[in-house]
Amino acid sequence: TIVVIKRNGTDGIVFPLTSTSCLFGRKTECDIRMRLPWVSNEHC
């Protein structure tokens, strides 16, 4: 699982990792999408 850590340090949303790949980034195709201008389209 991937647990979002909120800015106050508490646990947020939990994403189950059920496929063999999880893409983080700004693109709409990303599994975990972050809409910040400094985040790359495909970040990690």
All heavy atoms as atom14 arrays in JSON, in Angstrom:
{
  "sequence": "TIVVIKRNGTDGIVFPLTSTSCLFGRKTECDIRMRLPWVSNEHC",
  "atom14_mask": [
    [1, 1, 1, 1, 1, 1, 1, 0, 0, 0, 0, 0, 0, 0],
    [1, 1, 1, 1, 1, 1, 1, 1, 0, 0, 0, 0, 0, 0],
    [1, 1, 1, 1, 1, 1, 1, 0, 0, 0, 0, 0, 0, 0],
    [1, 1, 1, 1, 1, 1, 1, 0, 0, 0, 0, 0, 0, 0],
    [1, 1, 1, 1, 1, 1, 1, 1, 0, 0, 0, 0, 0, 0],
    [1, 1, 1, 1, 1, 1, 1, 1, 1, 0, 0, 0, 0, 0],
    [1, 1, 1, 1, 1, 1, 1, 1, 1, 1, 1, 0, 0, 0],
    [1, 1, 1, 1, 1, 1, 1, 1, 0, 0, 0, 0, 0, 0],
    [1, 1, 1, 1, 0, 0, 0, 0, 0, 0, 0, 0, 0, 0],
    [1, 1, 1, 1, 1, 1, 1, 0, 0, 0, 0, 0, 0, 0],
    [1, 1, 1, 1, 1, 1, 1, 1, 0, 0, 0, 0, 0, 0],
    [1, 1, 1, 1, 0, 0, 0, 0, 0, 0, 0, 0, 0, 0],
    [1, 1, 1, 1, 1, 1, 1, 1, 0, 0, 0, 0, 0, 0],
    [1, 1, 1, 1, 1, 1, 1, 0, 0, 0, 0, 0, 0, 0],
    [1, 1, 1, 1, 1, 1, 1, 1, 1, 1, 1, 0, 0, 0],
    [1, 1, 1, 1, 1, 1, 1, 0, 0, 0, 0, 0, 0, 0],
    [1, 1, 1, 1, 1, 1, 1, 1, 0, 0, 0, 0, 0, 0],
    [1, 1, 1, 1, 1, 1, 1, 0, 0, 0, 0, 0, 0, 0],
    [1, 1, 1, 1, 1, 1, 0, 0, 0, 0, 0, 0, 0, 0],
    [1, 1, 1, 1, 1, 1, 1, 0, 0, 0, 0, 0, 0, 0],
    [1, 1, 1, 1, 1, 1, 0, 0, 0, 0, 0, 0, 0, 0],
    [1, 1, 1, 1, 1, 1, 0, 0, 0, 0, 0, 0, 0, 0],
    [1, 1, 1, 1, 1, 1, 1, 1, 0, 0, 0, 0, 0, 0],
    [1, 1, 1, 1, 1, 1, 1, 1, 1, 1, 1, 0, 0, 0],
    [1, 1, 1, 1, 0, 0, 0, 0, 0, 0, 0, 0, 0, 0],
    [1, 1, 1, 1, 1, 1, 1, 1, 1, 1, 1, 0, 0, 0],
    [1, 1, 1, 1, 1, 1, 1, 1, 1, 0, 0, 0, 0, 0],
    [1, 1, 1, 1, 1, 1, 1, 0, 0, 0, 0, 0, 0, 0],
    [1, 1, 1, 1, 1, 1, 1, 1, 1, 0, 0, 0, 0, 0],
    [1, 1, 1, 1, 1, 1, 0, 0, 0, 0, 0, 0, 0, 0],
    [1, 1, 1, 1, 1, 1, 1, 1, 0, 0, 0, 0, 0, 0],
    [1, 1, 1, 1, 1, 1, 1, 1, 0, 0, 0, 0, 0, 0],
    [1, 1, 1, 1, 1, 1, 1, 1, 1, 1, 1, 0, 0, 0],
    [1, 1, 1, 1, 1, 1, 1, 1, 0, 0, 0, 0, 0, 0],
    [1, 1, 1, 1, 1, 1, 1, 1, 1, 1, 1, 0, 0, 0],
    [1, 1, 1, 1, 1, 1, 1, 1, 0, 0, 0, 0, 0, 0],
    [1, 1, 1, 1, 1, 1, 1, 0, 0, 0, 0, 0, 0, 0],
    [1, 1, 1, 1, 1, 1, 1, 1, 1, 1, 1, 1, 1, 1],
    [1, 1, 1, 1, 1, 1, 1, 0, 0, 0, 0, 0, 0, 0],
    [1, 1, 1, 1, 1, 1, 0, 0, 0, 0, 0, 0, 0, 0],
    [1, 1, 1, 1, 1, 1, 1, 1, 0, 0, 0, 0, 0, 0],
    [1, 1, 1, 1, 1, 1, 1, 1, 1, 0, 0, 0, 0, 0],
    [1, 1, 1, 1, 1, 1, 1, 1, 1, 1, 0, 0, 0, 0],
    [1, 1, 1, 1, 1, 1, 0, 0, 0, 0, 0, 0, 0, 0]
  ],
  "atom14_positions": [
    [[0.85, -1.19, 0.0], [0.0, 0.0, 0.0], [0.88, 1.24, 0.0], [2.03, 1.21, 0.45], [-0.93, 0.05, 1.23], [-0.15, -0.04, 2.41], [-1.96, -1.05, 1.22], [0.0, 0.0, 0.0], [0.0, 0.0, 0.0], [0.0, 0.0, 0.0], [0.0, 0.0, 0.0], [0.0, 0.0, 0.0], [0.0, 0.0, 0.0], [0.0, 0.0, 0.0]],
    [[0.3, 2.3, -0.51], [0.96, 3.6, -0.5], [0.06, 4.51, 0.33], [-1.11, 4.71, 0.0], [1.13, 4.14, -1.92], [2.02, 3.17, -2.71], [1.73, 5.54, -1.9], [1.91, 3.3, -4.19], [0.0, 0.0, 0.0], [0.0, 0.0, 0.0], [0.0, 0.0, 0.0], [0.0, 0.0, 0.0], [0.0, 0.0, 0.0], [0.0, 0.0, 0.0]],
    [[0.6, 5.03, 1.42], [-0.16, 5.86, 2.34], [0.27, 7.31, 2.15], [1.46, 7.63, 2.24], [0.1, 5.44, 3.81], [-0.71, 6.3, 4.77], [-0.22, 3.96, 4.0], [0.0, 0.0, 0.0], [0.0, 0.0, 0.0], [0.0, 0.0, 0.0], [0.0, 0.0, 0.0], [0.0, 0.0, 0.0], [0.0, 0.0, 0.0], [0.0, 0.0, 0.0]],
    [[-0.7, 8.17, 1.86], [-0.41, 9.6, 1.77], [-0.16, 10.11, 3.18], [-0.92, 9.83, 4.1], [-1.6, 10.36, 1.13], [-1.34, 11.86, 1.15], [-1.86, 9.87, -0.28], [0.0, 0.0, 0.0], [0.0, 0.0, 0.0], [0.0, 0.0, 0.0], [0.0, 0.0, 0.0], [0.0, 0.0, 0.0], [0.0, 0.0, 0.0], [0.0, 0.0, 0.0]],
    [[0.93, 10.86, 3.34], [1.21, 11.49, 4.63], [0.78, 12.95, 4.5], [1.32, 13.69, 3.68], [2.71, 11.39, 5.0], [3.13, 9.92, 5.07], [2.98, 12.11, 6.32], [4.62, 9.71, 5.26], [0.0, 0.0, 0.0], [0.0, 0.0, 0.0], [0.0, 0.0, 0.0], [0.0, 0.0, 0.0], [0.0, 0.0, 0.0], [0.0, 0.0, 0.0]],
    [[-0.21, 13.32, 5.29], [-0.72, 14.69, 5.24], [0.35, 15.66, 5.74], [1.29, 15.27, 6.42], [-1.98, 14.83, 6.11], [-3.15, 14.03, 5.62], [-4.32, 14.25, 6.56], [-5.54, 13.46, 6.17], [-6.65, 13.72, 7.09], [0.0, 0.0, 0.0], [0.0, 0.0, 0.0], [0.0, 0.0, 0.0], [0.0, 0.0, 0.0], [0.0, 0.0, 0.0]],
    [[0.17, 16.91, 5.43], [1.15, 17.93, 5.84], [1.28, 18.04, 7.35], [2.31, 18.44, 7.86], [0.8, 19.26, 5.22], [1.02, 19.22, 3.72], [0.83, 20.54, 3.07], [1.07, 20.36, 1.64], [0.65, 21.17, 0.73], [-0.03, 22.24, 1.04], [0.91, 20.92, -0.55], [0.0, 0.0, 0.0], [0.0, 0.0, 0.0], [0.0, 0.0, 0.0]],
    [[0.23, 17.66, 8.09], [0.31, 17.71, 9.55], [0.94, 16.44, 10.13], [1.04, 16.28, 11.33], [-1.07, 17.97, 10.18], [-2.05, 16.83, 9.95], [-1.7, 15.78, 9.43], [-3.28, 17.05, 10.34], [0.0, 0.0, 0.0], [0.0, 0.0, 0.0], [0.0, 0.0, 0.0], [0.0, 0.0, 0.0], [0.0, 0.0, 0.0], [0.0, 0.0, 0.0]],
    [[1.36, 15.52, 9.24], [2.06, 14.31, 9.68], [1.18, 13.1, 9.88], [1.68, 12.0, 10.11], [0.0, 0.0, 0.0], [0.0, 0.0, 0.0], [0.0, 0.0, 0.0], [0.0, 0.0, 0.0], [0.0, 0.0, 0.0], [0.0, 0.0, 0.0], [0.0, 0.0, 0.0], [0.0, 0.0, 0.0], [0.0, 0.0, 0.0], [0.0, 0.0, 0.0]],
    [[-0.14, 13.26, 9.81], [-1.03, 12.12, 10.0], [-1.23, 11.39, 8.68], [-0.95, 11.92, 7.61], [-2.4, 12.57, 10.56], [-3.01, 13.46, 9.62], [-2.23, 13.27, 11.9], [0.0, 0.0, 0.0], [0.0, 0.0, 0.0], [0.0, 0.0, 0.0], [0.0, 0.0, 0.0], [0.0, 0.0, 0.0], [0.0, 0.0, 0.0], [0.0, 0.0, 0.0]],
    [[-1.73, 10.17, 8.77], [-1.99, 9.37, 7.58], [-3.23, 9.87, 6.86], [-4.22, 10.24, 7.49], [-2.2, 7.9, 7.94], [-0.9, 7.23, 8.36], [0.16, 7.89, 8.33], [-0.95, 6.04, 8.73], [0.0, 0.0, 0.0], [0.0, 0.0, 0.0], [0.0, 0.0, 0.0], [0.0, 0.0, 0.0], [0.0, 0.0, 0.0], [0.0, 0.0, 0.0]],
    [[-3.14, 9.86, 5.54], [-4.27, 10.26, 4.7], [-4.79, 9.06, 3.93], [-4.86, 7.94, 4.44], [0.0, 0.0, 0.0], [0.0, 0.0, 0.0], [0.0, 0.0, 0.0], [0.0, 0.0, 0.0], [0.0, 0.0, 0.0], [0.0, 0.0, 0.0], [0.0, 0.0, 0.0], [0.0, 0.0, 0.0], [0.0, 0.0, 0.0], [0.0, 0.0, 0.0]],
    [[-5.11, 9.29, 2.68], [-5.67, 8.27, 1.8], [-4.67, 7.11, 1.64], [-3.47, 7.33, 1.57], [-6.01, 8.86, 0.42], [-7.04, 9.98, 0.57], [-6.49, 7.8, -0.54], [-7.26, 10.77, -0.7], [0.0, 0.0, 0.0], [0.0, 0.0, 0.0], [0.0, 0.0, 0.0], [0.0, 0.0, 0.0], [0.0, 0.0, 0.0], [0.0, 0.0, 0.0]],
    [[-5.2, 5.9, 1.55], [-4.37, 4.71, 1.35], [-4.69, 4.15, -0.03], [-5.85, 3.91, -0.36], [-4.66, 3.65, 2.44], [-3.87, 2.38, 2.17], [-4.34, 4.21, 3.82], [0.0, 0.0, 0.0], [0.0, 0.0, 0.0], [0.0, 0.0, 0.0], [0.0, 0.0, 0.0], [0.0, 0.0, 0.0], [0.0, 0.0, 0.0], [0.0, 0.0, 0.0]],
    [[-3.64, 3.99, -0.84], [-3.79, 3.42, -2.17], [-3.26, 1.99, -2.15], [-2.08, 1.78, -1.9], [-2.98, 4.22, -3.2], [-3.46, 5.62, -3.41], [-2.86, 6.67, -2.72], [-4.49, 5.91, -4.28], [-3.28, 7.98, -2.91], [-4.93, 7.22, -4.46], [-4.31, 8.25, -3.78], [0.0, 0.0, 0.0], [0.0, 0.0, 0.0], [0.0, 0.0, 0.0]],
    [[-4.11, 0.99, -2.44], [-3.59, -0.37, -2.53], [-2.79, -0.53, -3.82], [-3.17, -0.01, -4.86], [-4.86, -1.23, -2.56], [-5.93, -0.33, -3.04], [-5.54, 1.07, -2.64], [0.0, 0.0, 0.0], [0.0, 0.0, 0.0], [0.0, 0.0, 0.0], [0.0, 0.0, 0.0], [0.0, 0.0, 0.0], [0.0, 0.0, 0.0], [0.0, 0.0, 0.0]],
    [[-1.67, -1.19, -3.73], [-0.83, -1.44, -4.89], [-1.2, -2.83, -5.42], [-0.74, -3.84, -4.9], [0.64, -1.36, -4.48], [1.7, -1.39, -5.56], [1.46, -0.3, -6.6], [3.08, -1.23, -4.94], [0.0, 0.0, 0.0], [0.0, 0.0, 0.0], [0.0, 0.0, 0.0], [0.0, 0.0, 0.0], [0.0, 0.0, 0.0], [0.0, 0.0, 0.0]],
    [[-2.07, -2.84, -6.42], [-2.6, -4.11, -6.92], [-2.09, -4.48, -8.31], [-2.37, -5.57, -8.8], [-4.14, -4.08, -6.96], [-4.56, -2.97, -7.75], [-4.72, -3.98, -5.56], [0.0, 0.0, 0.0], [0.0, 0.0, 0.0], [0.0, 0.0, 0.0], [0.0, 0.0, 0.0], [0.0, 0.0, 0.0], [0.0, 0.0, 0.0], [0.0, 0.0, 0.0]],
    [[-1.35, -3.59, -8.95], [-0.74, -3.93, -10.24], [0.77, -3.87, -10.07], [1.27, -3.42, -9.05], [-1.22, -2.99, -11.35], [-0.67, -1.71, -11.16], [0.0, 0.0, 0.0], [0.0, 0.0, 0.0], [0.0, 0.0, 0.0], [0.0, 0.0, 0.0], [0.0, 0.0, 0.0], [0.0, 0.0, 0.0], [0.0, 0.0, 0.0], [0.0, 0.0, 0.0]],
    [[1.5, -4.31, -11.08], [2.95, -4.39, -10.95], [3.65, -3.06, -11.23], [4.87, -3.0, -11.26], [3.51, -5.46, -11.9], [3.1, -5.15, -13.23], [3.02, -6.84, -11.49], [0.0, 0.0, 0.0], [0.0, 0.0, 0.0], [0.0, 0.0, 0.0], [0.0, 0.0, 0.0], [0.0, 0.0, 0.0], [0.0, 0.0, 0.0], [0.0, 0.0, 0.0]],
    [[2.87, -1.99, -11.4], [3.46, -0.68, -11.63], [2.53, 0.4, -11.1], [1.31, 0.29, -11.2], [3.7, -0.48, -13.13], [4.28, 0.77, -13.37], [0.0, 0.0, 0.0], [0.0, 0.0, 0.0], [0.0, 0.0, 0.0], [0.0, 0.0, 0.0], [0.0, 0.0, 0.0], [0.0, 0.0, 0.0], [0.0, 0.0, 0.0], [0.0, 0.0, 0.0]],
    [[3.11, 1.45, -10.52], [2.34, 2.59, -10.01], [3.1, 3.86, -10.39], [4.21, 4.09, -9.91], [2.16, 2.49, -8.5], [1.24, 3.87, -7.8], [0.0, 0.0, 0.0], [0.0, 0.0, 0.0], [0.0, 0.0, 0.0], [0.0, 0.0, 0.0], [0.0, 0.0, 0.0], [0.0, 0.0, 0.0], [0.0, 0.0, 0.0], [0.0, 0.0, 0.0]],
    [[2.48, 4.66, -11.23], [3.12, 5.87, -11.75], [2.61, 7.1, -11.0], [1.41, 7.29, -10.83], [2.81, 6.0, -13.25], [3.43, 7.17, -14.0], [4.96, 7.1, -13.96], [2.94, 7.17, -15.45], [0.0, 0.0, 0.0], [0.0, 0.0, 0.0], [0.0, 0.0, 0.0], [0.0, 0.0, 0.0], [0.0, 0.0, 0.0], [0.0, 0.0, 0.0]],
    [[3.55, 7.94, -10.53], [3.24, 9.2, -9.85], [3.56, 10.33, -10.81], [4.59, 10.3, -11.49], [4.15, 9.39, -8.62], [3.96, 8.41, -7.52], [4.41, 7.11, -7.62], [3.37, 8.82, -6.33], [4.27, 6.22, -6.57], [3.23, 7.93, -5.28], [3.68, 6.63, -5.4], [0.0, 0.0, 0.0], [0.0, 0.0, 0.0], [0.0, 0.0, 0.0]],
    [[2.71, 11.35, -10.85], [3.01, 12.5, -11.69], [1.81, 13.39, -11.91], [0.79, 13.26, -11.25], [0.0, 0.0, 0.0], [0.0, 0.0, 0.0], [0.0, 0.0, 0.0], [0.0, 0.0, 0.0], [0.0, 0.0, 0.0], [0.0, 0.0, 0.0], [0.0, 0.0, 0.0], [0.0, 0.0, 0.0], [0.0, 0.0, 0.0], [0.0, 0.0, 0.0]],
    [[1.96, 14.3, -12.89], [0.93, 15.29, -13.17], [-0.03, 14.86, -14.28], [-1.14, 15.37, -14.38], [1.61, 16.62, -13.52], [0.76, 17.82, -13.31], [1.51, 19.13, -13.49], [1.96, 19.29, -14.86], [3.21, 19.61, -15.22], [4.12, 19.82, -14.31], [3.56, 19.72, -16.48], [0.0, 0.0, 0.0], [0.0, 0.0, 0.0], [0.0, 0.0, 0.0]],
    [[0.39, 13.92, -15.13], [-0.46, 13.49, -16.25], [-1.73, 12.81, -15.75], [-1.73, 12.17, -14.69], [0.28, 12.49, -17.15], [1.26, 13.13, -18.06], [2.0, 12.23, -19.03], [1.6, 10.83, -19.21], [2.43, 10.09, -20.16], [0.0, 0.0, 0.0], [0.0, 0.0, 0.0], [0.0, 0.0, 0.0], [0.0, 0.0, 0.0], [0.0, 0.0, 0.0]],
    [[-2.79, 12.93, -16.53], [-4.05, 12.29, -16.15], [-3.93, 10.76, -16.15], [-4.69, 10.09, -15.47], [-5.2, 12.7, -17.09], [-4.82, 12.41, -18.44], [-5.52, 14.18, -16.95], [0.0, 0.0, 0.0], [0.0, 0.0, 0.0], [0.0, 0.0, 0.0], [0.0, 0.0, 0.0], [0.0, 0.0, 0.0], [0.0, 0.0, 0.0], [0.0, 0.0, 0.0]],
    [[-2.97, 10.2, -16.87], [-2.79, 8.74, -16.93], [-2.06, 8.19, -15.71], [-1.96, 6.97, -15.56], [-1.99, 8.35, -18.19], [-2.7, 8.65, -19.49], [-2.51, 10.1, -19.95], [-1.64, 10.81, -19.43], [-3.27, 10.51, -20.82], [0.0, 0.0, 0.0], [0.0, 0.0, 0.0], [0.0, 0.0, 0.0], [0.0, 0.0, 0.0], [0.0, 0.0, 0.0]],
    [[-1.55, 9.05, -14.84], [-0.81, 8.58, -13.67], [-1.75, 7.9, -12.68], [-2.9, 8.29, -12.52], [-0.09, 9.75, -12.99], [1.29, 10.38, -13.96], [0.0, 0.0, 0.0], [0.0, 0.0, 0.0], [0.0, 0.0, 0.0], [0.0, 0.0, 0.0], [0.0, 0.0, 0.0], [0.0, 0.0, 0.0], [0.0, 0.0, 0.0], [0.0, 0.0, 0.0]],
    [[-1.22, 6.91, -11.99], [-1.99, 6.2, -10.97], [-2.21, 7.09, -9.75], [-3.29, 7.07, -9.16], [-1.26, 4.91, -10.56], [-1.06, 3.99, -11.75], [-2.07, 3.54, -12.31], [0.1, 3.74, -12.1], [0.0, 0.0, 0.0], [0.0, 0.0, 0.0], [0.0, 0.0, 0.0], [0.0, 0.0, 0.0], [0.0, 0.0, 0.0], [0.0, 0.0, 0.0]],
    [[-1.19, 7.84, -9.37], [-1.32, 8.82, -8.29], [-0.95, 10.16, -8.89], [0.2, 10.4, -9.25], [-0.41, 8.46, -7.09], [-0.86, 7.12, -6.51], [-0.48, 9.57, -6.03], [-0.07, 6.64, -5.32], [0.0, 0.0, 0.0], [0.0, 0.0, 0.0], [0.0, 0.0, 0.0], [0.0, 0.0, 0.0], [0.0, 0.0, 0.0], [0.0, 0.0, 0.0]],
    [[-1.97, 10.98, -9.04], [-1.83, 12.25, -9.75], [-1.7, 13.41, -8.77], [-2.47, 13.51, -7.82], [-3.04, 12.46, -10.65], [-2.9, 13.65, -11.54], [-4.03, 13.69, -12.54], [-3.89, 14.88, -13.35], [-4.9, 15.59, -13.79], [-6.13, 15.22, -13.52], [-4.69, 16.66, -14.51], [0.0, 0.0, 0.0], [0.0, 0.0, 0.0], [0.0, 0.0, 0.0]],
    [[-0.73, 14.28, -9.03], [-0.52, 15.49, -8.23], [-0.57, 16.68, -9.16], [0.21, 16.76, -10.11], [0.82, 15.41, -7.51], [0.85, 14.34, -6.45], [2.5, 14.04, -5.86], [3.11, 13.02, -7.18], [0.0, 0.0, 0.0], [0.0, 0.0, 0.0], [0.0, 0.0, 0.0], [0.0, 0.0, 0.0], [0.0, 0.0, 0.0], [0.0, 0.0, 0.0]],
    [[-1.45, 17.59, -8.88], [-1.65, 18.75, -9.76], [-0.84, 19.95, -9.29], [-1.38, 21.01, -9.06], [-3.12, 19.1, -9.83], [-3.94, 18.0, -10.43], [-5.35, 18.45, -10.57], [-6.24, 17.31, -10.48], [-7.54, 17.4, -10.57], [-8.11, 18.57, -10.71], [-8.27, 16.33, -10.5], [0.0, 0.0, 0.0], [0.0, 0.0, 0.0], [0.0, 0.0, 0.0]],
    [[0.44, 19.77, -9.13], [1.34, 20.86, -8.78], [2.22, 21.16, -9.99], [2.72, 20.23, -10.63], [2.22, 20.47, -7.59], [1.51, 20.19, -6.27], [2.5, 19.62, -5.25], [0.9, 21.46, -5.74], [0.0, 0.0, 0.0], [0.0, 0.0, 0.0], [0.0, 0.0, 0.0], [0.0, 0.0, 0.0], [0.0, 0.0, 0.0], [0.0, 0.0, 0.0]],
    [[2.43, 22.42, -10.3], [3.22, 22.74, -11.51], [4.67, 22.25, -11.45], [5.29, 22.05, -12.49], [3.16, 24.26, -11.58], [2.74, 24.74, -10.25], [1.97, 23.62, -9.61], [0.0, 0.0, 0.0], [0.0, 0.0, 0.0], [0.0, 0.0, 0.0], [0.0, 0.0, 0.0], [0.0, 0.0, 0.0], [0.0, 0.0, 0.0], [0.0, 0.0, 0.0]],
    [[5.22, 22.01, -10.26], [6.6, 21.57, -10.13], [6.74, 20.07, -10.27], [7.85, 19.57, -10.39], [7.17, 22.02, -8.78], [6.97, 23.47, -8.55], [7.71, 24.49, -9.07], [5.93, 24.06, -7.78], [7.19, 25.69, -8.66], [6.1, 25.46, -7.85], [4.88, 23.57, -7.02], [5.25, 26.35, -7.22], [4.03, 24.46, -6.39], [4.23, 25.83, -6.49]],
    [[5.62, 19.35, -10.24], [5.66, 17.89, -10.4], [5.75, 17.58, -11.88], [5.03, 18.15, -12.7], [4.39, 17.24, -9.78], [4.34, 15.76, -10.08], [4.32, 17.51, -8.29], [0.0, 0.0, 0.0], [0.0, 0.0, 0.0], [0.0, 0.0, 0.0], [0.0, 0.0, 0.0], [0.0, 0.0, 0.0], [0.0, 0.0, 0.0], [0.0, 0.0, 0.0]],
    [[6.66, 16.68, -12.24], [6.82, 16.28, -13.64], [5.6, 15.5, -14.11], [4.88, 14.91, -13.29], [8.07, 15.41, -13.8], [9.22, 16.12, -13.43], [0.0, 0.0, 0.0], [0.0, 0.0, 0.0], [0.0, 0.0, 0.0], [0.0, 0.0, 0.0], [0.0, 0.0, 0.0], [0.0, 0.0, 0.0], [0.0, 0.0, 0.0], [0.0, 0.0, 0.0]],
    [[5.39, 15.48, -15.42], [4.27, 14.71, -15.98], [4.36, 13.26, -15.51], [3.35, 12.65, -15.15], [4.27, 14.77, -17.5], [3.75, 16.09, -18.01], [2.92, 16.73, -17.37], [4.24, 16.51, -19.17], [0.0, 0.0, 0.0], [0.0, 0.0, 0.0], [0.0, 0.0, 0.0], [0.0, 0.0, 0.0], [0.0, 0.0, 0.0], [0.0, 0.0, 0.0]],
    [[5.54, 12.69, -15.54], [5.81, 11.36, -14.99], [6.99, 11.54, -14.04], [8.13, 11.65, -14.47], [6.12, 10.35, -16.1], [4.93, 10.08, -16.98], [5.2, 9.03, -18.04], [6.37, 8.58, -18.18], [4.25, 8.65, -18.74], [0.0, 0.0, 0.0], [0.0, 0.0, 0.0], [0.0, 0.0, 0.0], [0.0, 0.0, 0.0], [0.0, 0.0, 0.0]],
    [[6.72, 11.58, -12.75], [7.73, 11.97, -11.77], [8.55, 10.78, -11.25], [9.76, 10.83, -11.17], [7.07, 12.71, -10.6], [8.0, 13.64, -9.91], [8.09, 14.97, -10.25], [8.89, 13.43, -8.92], [9.0, 15.55, -9.48], [9.5, 14.63, -8.67], [0.0, 0.0, 0.0], [0.0, 0.0, 0.0], [0.0, 0.0, 0.0], [0.0, 0.0, 0.0]],
    [[7.86, 9.72, -10.87], [8.53, 8.5, -10.41], [7.54, 7.35, -10.53], [6.35, 7.57, -10.78], [9.04, 8.63, -8.98], [7.77, 8.75, -7.7], [0.0, 0.0, 0.0], [0.0, 0.0, 0.0], [0.0, 0.0, 0.0], [0.0, 0.0, 0.0], [0.0, 0.0, 0.0], [0.0, 0.0, 0.0], [0.0, 0.0, 0.0], [0.0, 0.0, 0.0]]
  ]
}
